[in-house]
N, C-alpha and C. Protein backbone atom coordinates (compact mmCIF):
# COMPACT_ATOMS: atom_id res chain seq x y z
N MET A 1 0.84 -1.18 0.00
CA MET A 1 0.00 0.00 0.00
C MET A 1 0.88 1.24 0.00
N ARG A 2 0.53 2.16 -0.88
CA ARG A 2 1.33 3.36 -1.02
C ARG A 2 0.94 4.40 0.02
N LYS A 3 1.92 5.16 0.50
CA LYS A 3 1.63 6.24 1.42
C LYS A 3 1.02 7.40 0.64
N ASN A 4 0.19 8.16 1.33
CA ASN A 4 -0.41 9.34 0.71
C ASN A 4 0.62 10.46 0.74
N ASN A 5 1.40 10.56 -0.29
CA ASN A 5 2.49 11.52 -0.36
C ASN A 5 2.09 12.72 -1.19
N GLU A 6 2.45 13.89 -0.76
CA GLU A 6 2.21 15.09 -1.54
C GLU A 6 3.27 15.26 -2.62
N LEU A 7 4.28 14.40 -2.64
CA LEU A 7 5.31 14.48 -3.67
C LEU A 7 4.79 14.04 -5.02
N ASN A 8 3.63 13.40 -5.05
CA ASN A 8 3.04 12.99 -6.32
C ASN A 8 2.71 14.20 -7.18
N ILE A 9 2.56 15.35 -6.56
CA ILE A 9 2.26 16.58 -7.30
C ILE A 9 3.41 16.90 -8.24
N PHE A 10 4.63 16.66 -7.78
CA PHE A 10 5.79 17.07 -8.55
C PHE A 10 6.20 16.04 -9.60
N LYS A 11 5.68 14.84 -9.49
CA LYS A 11 6.00 13.84 -10.50
C LYS A 11 5.22 14.14 -11.78
N SER A 12 5.89 14.07 -12.88
CA SER A 12 5.20 14.32 -14.14
C SER A 12 4.42 13.09 -14.55
N GLN A 13 3.23 13.33 -15.08
CA GLN A 13 2.42 12.22 -15.54
C GLN A 13 2.98 11.70 -16.85
N LYS A 14 2.83 10.41 -17.05
CA LYS A 14 3.26 9.84 -18.31
C LYS A 14 2.30 10.32 -19.39
N ASN A 15 2.80 10.44 -20.57
CA ASN A 15 1.99 10.95 -21.68
C ASN A 15 1.06 9.87 -22.22
N ASN A 16 0.16 9.44 -21.40
CA ASN A 16 -0.84 8.48 -21.80
C ASN A 16 -1.96 9.26 -22.50
N PRO A 17 -2.19 9.01 -23.76
CA PRO A 17 -3.18 9.80 -24.50
C PRO A 17 -4.59 9.72 -23.90
N ARG A 18 -4.94 8.57 -23.37
CA ARG A 18 -6.27 8.41 -22.77
C ARG A 18 -6.42 9.30 -21.54
N ILE A 19 -5.41 9.31 -20.69
CA ILE A 19 -5.45 10.13 -19.48
C ILE A 19 -5.46 11.61 -19.83
N LEU A 20 -4.68 12.00 -20.84
CA LEU A 20 -4.67 13.40 -21.26
C LEU A 20 -6.02 13.85 -21.80
N LYS A 21 -6.67 13.01 -22.58
CA LYS A 21 -7.99 13.35 -23.11
C LYS A 21 -9.02 13.47 -22.00
N ILE A 22 -8.97 12.56 -21.07
CA ILE A 22 -9.93 12.60 -19.96
C ILE A 22 -9.70 13.82 -19.09
N SER A 23 -8.45 14.16 -18.83
CA SER A 23 -8.16 15.34 -18.01
C SER A 23 -8.61 16.62 -18.71
N GLN A 24 -8.45 16.69 -20.03
CA GLN A 24 -8.95 17.86 -20.76
C GLN A 24 -10.47 17.92 -20.73
N LEU A 25 -11.12 16.78 -20.83
CA LEU A 25 -12.57 16.73 -20.76
C LEU A 25 -13.07 17.15 -19.38
N ILE A 26 -12.39 16.72 -18.34
CA ILE A 26 -12.76 17.10 -16.98
C ILE A 26 -12.58 18.60 -16.78
N LYS A 27 -11.47 19.13 -17.28
CA LYS A 27 -11.20 20.56 -17.14
C LYS A 27 -12.27 21.38 -17.87
N LYS A 28 -12.63 20.96 -19.07
CA LYS A 28 -13.65 21.66 -19.85
C LYS A 28 -15.02 21.60 -19.15
N THR A 29 -15.38 20.42 -18.67
CA THR A 29 -16.67 20.24 -18.03
C THR A 29 -16.76 21.01 -16.72
N LEU A 30 -15.69 20.98 -15.93
CA LEU A 30 -15.70 21.73 -14.68
C LEU A 30 -15.72 23.23 -14.91
N SER A 31 -15.07 23.69 -15.96
CA SER A 31 -15.12 25.13 -16.25
C SER A 31 -16.53 25.55 -16.62
N GLU A 32 -17.26 24.70 -17.34
CA GLU A 32 -18.65 24.98 -17.65
C GLU A 32 -19.50 25.00 -16.38
N VAL A 33 -19.23 24.08 -15.47
CA VAL A 33 -19.96 24.04 -14.20
C VAL A 33 -19.68 25.30 -13.39
N PHE A 34 -18.40 25.71 -13.33
CA PHE A 34 -18.05 26.91 -12.57
C PHE A 34 -18.68 28.16 -13.17
N LEU A 35 -18.86 28.19 -14.49
CA LEU A 35 -19.48 29.35 -15.12
C LEU A 35 -20.98 29.41 -14.86
N THR A 36 -21.62 28.26 -14.79
CA THR A 36 -23.07 28.26 -14.59
C THR A 36 -23.46 28.47 -13.13
N LEU A 37 -22.66 27.95 -12.20
CA LEU A 37 -22.98 28.13 -10.78
C LEU A 37 -22.42 29.46 -10.30
N ASP A 38 -23.14 30.07 -9.36
CA ASP A 38 -22.71 31.35 -8.81
C ASP A 38 -22.12 31.10 -7.44
N PHE A 39 -20.84 31.39 -7.27
CA PHE A 39 -20.17 31.21 -5.99
C PHE A 39 -20.02 32.56 -5.32
N ALA A 40 -20.35 32.61 -4.04
CA ALA A 40 -20.22 33.85 -3.28
C ALA A 40 -19.61 33.51 -1.92
N ASP A 41 -18.82 34.46 -1.39
CA ASP A 41 -18.26 34.24 -0.07
C ASP A 41 -19.25 34.71 0.99
N GLU A 42 -18.80 34.76 2.25
CA GLU A 42 -19.69 35.12 3.35
C GLU A 42 -20.20 36.56 3.24
N GLU A 43 -19.43 37.42 2.60
CA GLU A 43 -19.81 38.82 2.45
C GLU A 43 -20.74 39.05 1.27
N GLY A 44 -21.00 38.01 0.50
CA GLY A 44 -21.88 38.12 -0.65
C GLY A 44 -21.18 38.51 -1.94
N GLU A 45 -19.86 38.62 -1.90
CA GLU A 45 -19.12 38.98 -3.11
C GLU A 45 -18.90 37.75 -3.97
N SER A 46 -18.99 37.94 -5.26
CA SER A 46 -18.85 36.84 -6.21
C SER A 46 -17.39 36.42 -6.30
N VAL A 47 -17.18 35.11 -6.41
CA VAL A 47 -15.84 34.54 -6.50
C VAL A 47 -15.74 33.77 -7.81
N ILE A 48 -14.65 33.99 -8.53
CA ILE A 48 -14.41 33.31 -9.80
C ILE A 48 -13.21 32.39 -9.63
N PHE A 49 -13.38 31.14 -10.06
CA PHE A 49 -12.30 30.16 -9.97
C PHE A 49 -11.70 29.91 -11.34
N PHE A 50 -10.40 29.63 -11.34
CA PHE A 50 -9.68 29.26 -12.55
C PHE A 50 -9.05 27.89 -12.31
N ILE A 51 -9.26 26.98 -13.25
CA ILE A 51 -8.71 25.63 -13.13
C ILE A 51 -7.33 25.62 -13.78
N ASN A 52 -6.30 25.43 -12.97
CA ASN A 52 -4.94 25.42 -13.49
C ASN A 52 -4.57 24.08 -14.09
N LYS A 53 -4.88 23.03 -13.37
CA LYS A 53 -4.40 21.71 -13.78
C LYS A 53 -5.35 20.64 -13.25
N VAL A 54 -5.48 19.59 -14.00
CA VAL A 54 -6.24 18.42 -13.56
C VAL A 54 -5.28 17.24 -13.59
N SER A 55 -5.12 16.61 -12.45
CA SER A 55 -4.25 15.45 -12.34
C SER A 55 -5.11 14.23 -12.08
N LEU A 56 -4.92 13.20 -12.88
CA LEU A 56 -5.72 11.99 -12.77
C LEU A 56 -4.91 10.83 -12.24
N SER A 57 -5.58 9.91 -11.55
CA SER A 57 -4.93 8.67 -11.17
C SER A 57 -4.78 7.79 -12.40
N ARG A 58 -4.06 6.71 -12.27
CA ARG A 58 -3.80 5.85 -13.43
C ARG A 58 -5.06 5.24 -14.02
N ASP A 59 -6.02 4.93 -13.15
CA ASP A 59 -7.26 4.33 -13.63
C ASP A 59 -8.34 5.37 -13.91
N ALA A 60 -8.03 6.65 -13.78
CA ALA A 60 -8.92 7.78 -14.06
C ALA A 60 -10.15 7.77 -13.16
N ARG A 61 -10.02 7.26 -11.96
CA ARG A 61 -11.14 7.24 -11.02
C ARG A 61 -11.07 8.39 -10.02
N ILE A 62 -9.88 8.96 -9.83
CA ILE A 62 -9.71 10.08 -8.90
C ILE A 62 -9.07 11.23 -9.66
N ALA A 63 -9.73 12.38 -9.62
CA ALA A 63 -9.21 13.57 -10.28
C ALA A 63 -8.90 14.63 -9.23
N THR A 64 -7.68 15.13 -9.24
CA THR A 64 -7.28 16.22 -8.36
C THR A 64 -7.26 17.49 -9.20
N ILE A 65 -8.06 18.47 -8.79
CA ILE A 65 -8.20 19.71 -9.55
C ILE A 65 -7.51 20.82 -8.77
N PHE A 66 -6.57 21.48 -9.41
CA PHE A 66 -5.85 22.61 -8.81
C PHE A 66 -6.52 23.89 -9.28
N ILE A 67 -7.01 24.68 -8.32
CA ILE A 67 -7.76 25.89 -8.67
C ILE A 67 -7.09 27.12 -8.08
N THR A 68 -7.41 28.27 -8.69
CA THR A 68 -6.94 29.57 -8.26
C THR A 68 -8.12 30.52 -8.25
N ASN A 69 -8.08 31.48 -7.36
CA ASN A 69 -9.11 32.49 -7.28
C ASN A 69 -8.80 33.63 -8.24
N LEU A 70 -9.79 34.05 -9.02
CA LEU A 70 -9.62 35.18 -9.93
C LEU A 70 -10.66 36.24 -9.67
N SER A 71 -10.92 36.56 -8.41
CA SER A 71 -11.90 37.60 -8.12
C SER A 71 -11.29 38.97 -8.37
N ASN A 72 -12.15 39.95 -8.59
CA ASN A 72 -11.70 41.28 -9.01
C ASN A 72 -10.99 42.05 -7.91
N LYS A 73 -11.51 42.02 -6.69
CA LYS A 73 -10.98 42.89 -5.66
C LYS A 73 -9.61 42.49 -5.14
N LYS A 74 -9.52 41.31 -4.62
CA LYS A 74 -8.28 40.89 -3.96
C LYS A 74 -8.20 39.38 -3.96
N LEU A 75 -7.06 38.89 -3.59
CA LEU A 75 -6.91 37.44 -3.44
C LEU A 75 -7.50 37.04 -2.09
N THR A 76 -8.53 36.25 -2.12
CA THR A 76 -9.16 35.79 -0.91
C THR A 76 -8.27 34.74 -0.27
N SER A 77 -8.35 34.65 1.05
CA SER A 77 -7.50 33.69 1.74
C SER A 77 -7.84 32.27 1.31
N SER A 78 -6.86 31.41 1.42
CA SER A 78 -7.05 30.04 0.96
C SER A 78 -8.09 29.30 1.79
N GLN A 79 -8.19 29.61 3.07
CA GLN A 79 -9.19 28.94 3.91
C GLN A 79 -10.60 29.33 3.50
N ARG A 80 -10.81 30.58 3.13
CA ARG A 80 -12.14 31.02 2.68
C ARG A 80 -12.51 30.36 1.36
N LEU A 81 -11.54 30.23 0.46
CA LEU A 81 -11.80 29.56 -0.81
C LEU A 81 -12.14 28.09 -0.59
N LYS A 82 -11.43 27.46 0.32
CA LYS A 82 -11.70 26.06 0.64
C LYS A 82 -13.10 25.91 1.22
N ASN A 83 -13.52 26.87 2.04
CA ASN A 83 -14.87 26.83 2.61
C ASN A 83 -15.93 26.99 1.54
N ILE A 84 -15.69 27.86 0.56
CA ILE A 84 -16.64 28.07 -0.53
C ILE A 84 -16.79 26.79 -1.35
N ILE A 85 -15.67 26.15 -1.65
CA ILE A 85 -15.72 24.89 -2.40
C ILE A 85 -16.43 23.81 -1.59
N ASP A 86 -16.10 23.70 -0.29
CA ASP A 86 -16.72 22.67 0.53
C ASP A 86 -18.23 22.87 0.68
N ASN A 87 -18.66 24.12 0.79
CA ASN A 87 -20.09 24.41 0.92
C ASN A 87 -20.86 24.08 -0.35
N ASN A 88 -20.23 24.21 -1.50
CA ASN A 88 -20.90 23.98 -2.78
C ASN A 88 -20.49 22.67 -3.44
N LEU A 89 -19.85 21.79 -2.71
CA LEU A 89 -19.30 20.57 -3.29
C LEU A 89 -20.39 19.66 -3.86
N SER A 90 -21.50 19.55 -3.19
CA SER A 90 -22.56 18.67 -3.69
C SER A 90 -23.15 19.22 -4.99
N ARG A 91 -23.32 20.55 -5.08
CA ARG A 91 -23.82 21.16 -6.32
C ARG A 91 -22.84 20.95 -7.46
N ILE A 92 -21.54 21.10 -7.17
CA ILE A 92 -20.51 20.94 -8.20
C ILE A 92 -20.51 19.50 -8.70
N LYS A 93 -20.51 18.54 -7.78
CA LYS A 93 -20.47 17.13 -8.18
C LYS A 93 -21.73 16.73 -8.95
N ARG A 94 -22.89 17.23 -8.54
CA ARG A 94 -24.13 16.89 -9.23
C ARG A 94 -24.13 17.42 -10.65
N ASN A 95 -23.76 18.68 -10.82
CA ASN A 95 -23.70 19.26 -12.17
C ASN A 95 -22.62 18.61 -13.02
N PHE A 96 -21.50 18.29 -12.40
CA PHE A 96 -20.39 17.66 -13.12
C PHE A 96 -20.79 16.28 -13.62
N SER A 97 -21.40 15.47 -12.75
CA SER A 97 -21.75 14.11 -13.16
C SER A 97 -22.86 14.08 -14.20
N SER A 98 -23.72 15.10 -14.21
CA SER A 98 -24.77 15.12 -15.23
C SER A 98 -24.24 15.59 -16.59
N ARG A 99 -23.14 16.33 -16.60
CA ARG A 99 -22.61 16.87 -17.86
C ARG A 99 -21.55 15.98 -18.51
N ILE A 100 -20.78 15.26 -17.72
CA ILE A 100 -19.66 14.52 -18.28
C ILE A 100 -20.15 13.19 -18.85
N GLU A 101 -19.54 12.80 -19.95
CA GLU A 101 -19.92 11.56 -20.61
C GLU A 101 -18.77 10.56 -20.55
N LEU A 102 -18.64 9.95 -19.41
CA LEU A 102 -17.64 8.91 -19.18
C LEU A 102 -18.32 7.70 -18.57
N ARG A 103 -17.69 6.57 -18.71
CA ARG A 103 -18.24 5.36 -18.12
C ARG A 103 -18.25 5.47 -16.59
N TYR A 104 -17.16 5.93 -16.02
CA TYR A 104 -17.05 6.13 -14.59
C TYR A 104 -16.82 7.61 -14.32
N THR A 105 -17.64 8.17 -13.46
CA THR A 105 -17.44 9.56 -13.06
C THR A 105 -16.34 9.59 -12.01
N PRO A 106 -15.26 10.32 -12.27
CA PRO A 106 -14.15 10.32 -11.30
C PRO A 106 -14.51 11.07 -10.02
N LYS A 107 -13.90 10.66 -8.93
CA LYS A 107 -14.05 11.34 -7.66
C LYS A 107 -13.23 12.63 -7.72
N LEU A 108 -13.83 13.74 -7.33
CA LEU A 108 -13.17 15.04 -7.44
C LEU A 108 -12.54 15.44 -6.11
N LYS A 109 -11.28 15.84 -6.19
CA LYS A 109 -10.57 16.39 -5.03
C LYS A 109 -10.05 17.76 -5.45
N PHE A 110 -10.40 18.78 -4.69
CA PHE A 110 -9.98 20.14 -5.02
C PHE A 110 -8.83 20.56 -4.12
N LYS A 111 -7.81 21.14 -4.74
CA LYS A 111 -6.67 21.69 -4.02
C LYS A 111 -6.39 23.08 -4.56
N LEU A 112 -5.96 23.96 -3.68
CA LEU A 112 -5.61 25.30 -4.10
C LEU A 112 -4.20 25.31 -4.66
N ASP A 113 -4.03 25.97 -5.78
CA ASP A 113 -2.72 26.05 -6.41
C ASP A 113 -1.92 27.17 -5.75
N VAL A 114 -1.04 26.78 -4.86
CA VAL A 114 -0.26 27.75 -4.09
C VAL A 114 0.79 28.42 -4.96
N GLU A 115 1.33 27.70 -5.92
CA GLU A 115 2.38 28.27 -6.77
C GLU A 115 1.86 29.45 -7.58
N ARG A 116 0.64 29.36 -8.06
CA ARG A 116 0.07 30.45 -8.84
C ARG A 116 -0.11 31.70 -7.98
N GLU A 117 -0.57 31.51 -6.74
CA GLU A 117 -0.74 32.64 -5.84
C GLU A 117 0.60 33.28 -5.51
N LYS A 118 1.63 32.47 -5.35
CA LYS A 118 2.96 33.02 -5.09
C LYS A 118 3.44 33.83 -6.28
N SER A 119 3.15 33.37 -7.49
CA SER A 119 3.58 34.12 -8.66
C SER A 119 2.83 35.44 -8.78
N PHE A 120 1.52 35.44 -8.40
CA PHE A 120 0.77 36.70 -8.40
C PHE A 120 1.39 37.70 -7.43
N LYS A 121 1.75 37.23 -6.24
CA LYS A 121 2.35 38.12 -5.24
C LYS A 121 3.71 38.63 -5.72
N LEU A 122 4.48 37.77 -6.37
CA LEU A 122 5.78 38.18 -6.88
C LEU A 122 5.63 39.23 -7.98
N GLU A 123 4.64 39.06 -8.85
CA GLU A 123 4.40 40.05 -9.89
C GLU A 123 4.00 41.39 -9.30
N LYS A 124 3.22 41.39 -8.22
CA LYS A 124 2.84 42.65 -7.57
C LYS A 124 4.05 43.35 -6.99
N VAL A 125 4.96 42.59 -6.38
CA VAL A 125 6.18 43.16 -5.82
C VAL A 125 7.04 43.75 -6.92
N ILE A 126 7.15 43.07 -8.03
CA ILE A 126 7.95 43.56 -9.16
C ILE A 126 7.33 44.84 -9.73
N ASP A 127 5.99 44.87 -9.84
CA ASP A 127 5.33 46.06 -10.36
C ASP A 127 5.49 47.25 -9.43
N LYS A 128 5.49 47.02 -8.13
CA LYS A 128 5.67 48.10 -7.17
C LYS A 128 7.08 48.65 -7.21
N SER A 129 8.05 47.79 -7.51
CA SER A 129 9.45 48.23 -7.52
C SER A 129 9.77 49.08 -8.76
N LYS A 130 8.95 48.97 -9.79
CA LYS A 130 9.20 49.77 -11.01
C LYS A 130 8.72 51.14 -10.81
């Protein structure tokens, strides 16, 4: 039995054409779901998510989706984004499973893409220094 290691994030997936097609289909379908559903935080402000990457298990039964916040005002804290996803998880899964056309609907796991947020902060620092 394999340990649940976070180092799997850094391993590159093999270029299996089937896995690549399924991950693109999942990304497309989830983006449609995110566009149709309205996500709001506790203050009532609308939150927009961007799907950076979809990582699939070898049997395509578990999909890990890396998301980033693209709201207009500011970068919301990661805990608030996680709460928004957790509160709307049943709606997301229901809409996703009704839209996707696969034999097995993969289990969705959402993770926040920390690297993208770090790059946003770095770009802000660079812009301020100019």
